[in-house]
Amino acid sequence: MTKRLLTILFTALLALNATAQNNPYVDDKLVHFGFSLGLNLMTFGVTDSEVPIEGEVYHARVSSLMPGFSVGFISDLRLCRYLNLRFCPGLSFSQRTLSYVTESGAPVRSKSGQFRDKIDILSIPITIPLYLKFSAAREKNYRPYVIAGGGFEYNVYRDAEQPVMLKGPDYFVELGVGCDIYFRWFKFCPQISYKIGFANVFTPADQNIYLTPDNRFYSTALSKLTSRMLCITFNFE
């Protein structure tokens, strides 16, 4: 019932919004600001080490994704009629689950014999990006756009006692599409984008002195982890 009411409300707002042109000169501003709220799904690009551990070779994969939350600040500089430069620092919270399987099909067991084939990895990255926003011509109260850019991020959550510890810094590129929807006092801009990280964010087992014998093989089975993230963002400008 709640979903239906929200859908009806959102549809009614869009219908009312299409009757007249709102904020006709808002895109002529040299600089404007806003904020963003969003949902994200983080995953990994996984490279296995192929190193035998007690006679077994382990393979890891991302088996489930926990929807996360993102929040950010928007500053926008108008370069020309169809092009804007955007600086949008933000903070995200997300969790991924790594599942382990053996090459032989035997159960995954730690040295103590305890069965555990899945581990959860939490990330809290601070993102510092720059984007170019390419907008189409405005039609009444709608203006679709594409966005492209990249930047630097730093994961502030690093728990050395976890089976797999992530490094802090990463570099990424991001591509997305969205639409400016003009209301009387602001622009509402839903956007979907995909981010690809380039750095190896995995901390090798030999560099993590806090690993216990039971946890060490989870890190030993890995060689490289790279970040991936799908973002659904709601910008208010």
Protein backbone atom coordinates (compact mmCIF):
# COMPACT_ATOMS: atom_id res chain seq x y z
CA MET A 1 0.00 0.00 0.00
CA THR A 2 2.84 2.41 0.86
CA LYS A 3 4.57 1.69 -2.45
CA ARG A 4 1.34 2.33 -4.35
CA LEU A 5 0.74 5.63 -2.56
CA LEU A 6 4.29 6.79 -3.25
CA THR A 7 3.94 5.80 -6.91
CA ILE A 8 0.65 7.69 -7.22
CA LEU A 9 2.12 10.75 -5.48
CA PHE A 10 5.22 10.76 -7.68
CA THR A 11 3.11 10.37 -10.85
CA ALA A 12 0.82 13.21 -9.76
CA LEU A 13 3.80 15.49 -9.13
CA LEU A 14 5.19 14.78 -12.59
CA ALA A 15 1.79 15.42 -14.17
CA LEU A 16 1.40 18.74 -12.37
CA ASN A 17 4.96 19.64 -13.22
CA ALA A 18 4.32 19.24 -16.95
CA THR A 19 1.62 21.92 -17.12
CA ALA A 20 3.91 24.99 -17.08
CA GLN A 21 7.60 25.78 -17.35
CA ASN A 22 9.12 26.19 -13.88
CA ASN A 23 12.34 28.04 -13.10
CA PRO A 24 12.99 29.13 -16.72
CA TYR A 25 16.33 30.83 -15.92
CA VAL A 26 17.75 28.47 -13.31
CA ASP A 27 20.26 26.96 -15.79
CA ASP A 28 21.67 30.39 -16.61
CA LYS A 29 23.32 30.68 -13.17
CA LEU A 30 27.10 30.54 -13.28
CA VAL A 31 27.31 28.55 -10.04
CA HIS A 32 24.69 26.68 -8.04
CA PHE A 33 24.70 24.16 -5.20
CA GLY A 34 22.69 21.23 -3.92
CA PHE A 35 22.81 17.90 -2.14
CA SER A 36 22.29 14.26 -3.05
CA LEU A 37 20.82 11.17 -1.41
CA GLY A 38 21.10 7.74 -2.92
CA LEU A 39 21.26 3.98 -2.80
CA ASN A 40 24.22 1.92 -3.93
CA LEU A 41 25.28 -1.64 -4.61
CA MET A 42 29.00 -2.30 -4.18
CA THR A 43 30.76 -5.35 -5.55
CA PHE A 44 34.30 -6.54 -6.28
CA GLY A 45 36.32 -7.57 -9.26
CA VAL A 46 38.02 -10.65 -7.73
CA THR A 47 41.36 -12.20 -8.74
CA ASP A 48 42.28 -15.44 -6.95
CA SER A 49 45.83 -16.17 -5.89
CA GLU A 50 45.65 -19.86 -6.95
CA VAL A 51 47.99 -20.60 -4.02
CA PRO A 52 47.38 -24.08 -2.50
CA ILE A 53 46.38 -23.93 1.17
CA GLU A 54 46.76 -27.26 2.99
CA GLY A 55 46.38 -29.06 -0.33
CA GLU A 56 43.34 -27.10 -1.52
CA VAL A 57 42.98 -24.19 -3.95
CA TYR A 58 40.26 -21.73 -2.94
CA HIS A 59 38.20 -19.50 -5.23
CA ALA A 60 36.27 -16.44 -4.05
CA ARG A 61 33.32 -14.63 -5.58
CA VAL A 62 30.84 -11.96 -4.52
CA SER A 63 27.72 -13.94 -3.65
CA SER A 64 25.37 -11.25 -2.32
CA LEU A 65 25.12 -7.48 -2.18
CA MET A 66 23.67 -5.44 0.65
CA PRO A 67 22.06 -2.16 -0.53
CA GLY A 68 23.95 0.79 0.90
CA PHE A 69 23.31 4.47 1.45
CA SER A 70 25.09 7.51 -0.01
CA VAL A 71 24.98 11.21 0.78
CA GLY A 72 26.80 14.07 -0.91
CA PHE A 73 27.19 17.77 -1.64
CA ILE A 74 26.85 19.28 -5.13
CA SER A 75 28.63 22.32 -6.56
CA ASP A 76 28.00 23.05 -10.24
CA LEU A 77 29.83 25.45 -12.59
CA ARG A 78 28.17 26.38 -15.90
CA LEU A 79 30.69 26.18 -18.76
CA CYS A 80 28.24 26.71 -21.61
CA ARG A 81 24.62 26.03 -22.48
CA TYR A 82 25.01 22.25 -22.65
CA LEU A 83 28.06 21.59 -20.48
CA ASN A 84 28.67 21.86 -16.72
CA LEU A 85 31.59 21.03 -14.45
CA ARG A 86 30.56 19.42 -11.17
CA PHE A 87 32.38 18.76 -7.88
CA CYS A 88 30.37 16.32 -5.76
CA PRO A 89 32.14 15.03 -2.62
CA GLY A 90 30.23 12.33 -0.79
CA LEU A 91 30.16 9.51 1.74
CA SER A 92 28.85 5.97 1.16
CA PHE A 93 28.06 2.98 3.36
CA SER A 94 27.86 -0.52 1.89
CA GLN A 95 28.53 -4.20 2.52
CA ARG A 96 29.57 -7.09 0.29
CA THR A 97 29.68 -10.83 0.95
CA LEU A 98 32.55 -12.96 -0.34
CA SER A 99 31.87 -16.68 -0.73
CA TYR A 100 34.64 -19.29 -0.92
CA VAL A 101 34.63 -22.62 -2.71
CA THR A 102 37.34 -25.22 -3.08
CA GLU A 103 38.53 -26.40 -6.47
CA SER A 104 37.94 -30.01 -5.46
CA GLY A 105 34.44 -29.38 -4.13
CA ALA A 106 35.41 -30.16 -0.53
CA PRO A 107 33.83 -28.04 2.25
CA VAL A 108 35.60 -24.84 3.23
CA ARG A 109 37.07 -25.29 6.70
CA SER A 110 39.40 -23.23 8.84
CA LYS A 111 42.36 -24.75 10.64
CA SER A 112 40.22 -25.26 13.73
CA GLY A 113 37.75 -27.25 11.61
CA GLN A 114 34.97 -24.66 11.84
CA PHE A 115 32.86 -24.44 8.66
CA ARG A 116 32.67 -20.91 7.29
CA ASP A 117 32.38 -20.28 3.57
CA LYS A 118 31.21 -16.65 3.64
CA ILE A 119 32.57 -13.40 5.06
CA ASP A 120 31.05 -9.90 5.10
CA ILE A 121 33.13 -6.87 4.12
CA LEU A 122 31.99 -3.39 5.13
CA SER A 123 33.16 -0.26 3.27
CA ILE A 124 32.73 3.43 4.13
CA PRO A 125 34.45 5.38 1.32
CA ILE A 126 34.77 9.17 1.18
CA THR A 127 34.62 10.20 -2.49
CA ILE A 128 36.19 13.29 -4.09
CA PRO A 129 35.13 13.37 -7.78
CA LEU A 130 34.94 15.76 -10.72
CA TYR A 131 32.33 15.30 -13.44
CA LEU A 132 31.38 16.76 -16.80
CA LYS A 133 27.63 16.94 -17.29
CA PHE A 134 26.39 16.98 -20.91
CA SER A 135 22.74 18.11 -21.06
CA ALA A 136 20.23 17.97 -23.89
CA ALA A 137 17.93 20.85 -24.80
CA ARG A 138 15.25 21.49 -22.20
CA GLU A 139 11.71 20.33 -23.03
CA LYS A 140 9.21 22.08 -20.73
CA ASN A 141 10.28 20.85 -17.28
CA TYR A 142 12.53 17.98 -18.32
CA ARG A 143 16.14 17.88 -19.44
CA PRO A 144 17.98 14.55 -19.82
CA TYR A 145 21.74 14.39 -19.44
CA VAL A 146 24.75 12.12 -19.35
CA ILE A 147 27.57 12.48 -16.85
CA ALA A 148 31.17 11.29 -16.94
CA GLY A 149 34.15 11.77 -14.68
CA GLY A 150 36.35 10.24 -12.04
CA GLY A 151 38.29 10.96 -8.92
CA PHE A 152 39.78 9.71 -5.68
CA GLU A 153 38.19 7.91 -2.76
CA TYR A 154 39.38 6.73 0.62
CA ASN A 155 37.85 3.90 2.64
CA VAL A 156 37.76 5.09 6.26
CA TYR A 157 36.62 1.70 7.64
CA ARG A 158 39.59 -0.63 7.94
CA ASP A 159 39.28 -3.44 10.49
CA ALA A 160 42.59 -5.30 10.68
CA GLU A 161 41.03 -8.17 12.64
CA GLN A 162 38.66 -9.10 9.80
CA PRO A 163 39.57 -12.03 7.51
CA VAL A 164 39.97 -9.63 4.57
CA MET A 165 41.16 -6.06 5.17
CA LEU A 166 40.79 -3.38 2.51
CA LYS A 167 43.27 -0.62 1.76
CA GLY A 168 42.25 3.00 2.05
CA PRO A 169 42.93 4.79 -1.28
CA ASP A 170 41.35 4.06 -4.64
CA TYR A 171 40.94 5.79 -8.03
CA PHE A 172 37.88 5.46 -10.24
CA VAL A 173 35.95 6.52 -13.32
CA GLU A 174 32.17 6.89 -13.40
CA LEU A 175 29.54 7.09 -16.14
CA GLY A 176 25.84 7.80 -15.72
CA VAL A 177 22.57 9.12 -17.10
CA GLY A 178 19.86 11.22 -15.49
CA CYS A 179 17.16 13.79 -15.99
CA ASP A 180 16.64 17.27 -14.56
CA ILE A 181 13.02 17.71 -13.49
CA TYR A 182 12.16 21.36 -12.85
CA PHE A 183 9.90 22.37 -9.98
CA ARG A 184 9.03 25.85 -8.89
CA TRP A 185 11.77 26.26 -6.31
CA PHE A 186 14.31 23.54 -7.15
CA LYS A 187 15.44 20.86 -9.58
CA PHE A 188 14.93 17.19 -8.77
CA CYS A 189 17.44 15.05 -10.67
CA PRO A 190 17.23 11.24 -10.51
CA GLN A 191 20.40 9.63 -11.82
CA ILE A 192 21.85 6.16 -12.30
CA SER A 193 25.60 5.63 -12.66
CA TYR A 194 28.27 2.95 -12.57
CA LYS A 195 31.68 3.40 -10.97
CA ILE A 196 34.81 1.33 -11.69
CA GLY A 197 37.85 1.40 -9.40
CA PHE A 198 41.37 0.80 -10.69
CA ALA A 199 43.50 0.29 -7.57
CA ASN A 200 43.99 -3.06 -5.85
CA VAL A 201 42.20 -2.40 -2.56
CA PHE A 202 43.12 -5.79 -1.04
CA THR A 203 45.66 -5.95 1.79
CA PRO A 204 47.76 -9.15 1.33
CA ALA A 205 47.92 -11.63 4.18
CA ASP A 206 51.67 -11.08 4.69
CA GLN A 207 51.01 -7.36 5.29
CA ASN A 208 48.32 -7.89 7.92
CA ILE A 209 49.95 -8.89 11.19
CA TYR A 210 46.59 -9.09 12.98
CA LEU A 211 45.27 -12.08 11.04
CA THR A 212 44.59 -15.17 13.14
CA PRO A 213 45.43 -18.65 11.78
CA ASP A 214 41.71 -19.32 11.24
CA ASN A 215 41.32 -16.14 9.17
CA ARG A 216 44.57 -16.21 7.24
CA PHE A 217 43.47 -18.56 4.48
CA TYR A 218 40.63 -16.18 3.48
CA SER A 219 43.25 -13.56 2.57
CA THR A 220 45.78 -16.06 1.24
CA ALA A 221 43.25 -17.23 -1.37
CA LEU A 222 43.04 -13.70 -2.83
CA SER A 223 45.43 -11.78 -5.06
CA LYS A 224 43.47 -8.67 -6.06
CA LEU A 225 40.20 -6.89 -5.32
CA THR A 226 38.93 -3.92 -7.35
CA SER A 227 35.84 -1.89 -6.49
CA ARG A 228 32.64 -1.66 -8.52
CA MET A 229 29.54 0.30 -7.57
CA LEU A 230 26.09 0.89 -9.06
CA CYS A 231 24.51 4.12 -7.75
CA ILE A 232 20.92 5.35 -7.88
CA THR A 233 21.11 8.99 -6.82
CA PHE A 234 18.49 11.64 -6.16
CA ASN A 235 19.94 15.14 -6.58
CA PHE A 236 18.24 18.26 -5.23
CA GLU A 237 19.60 21.49 -6.75
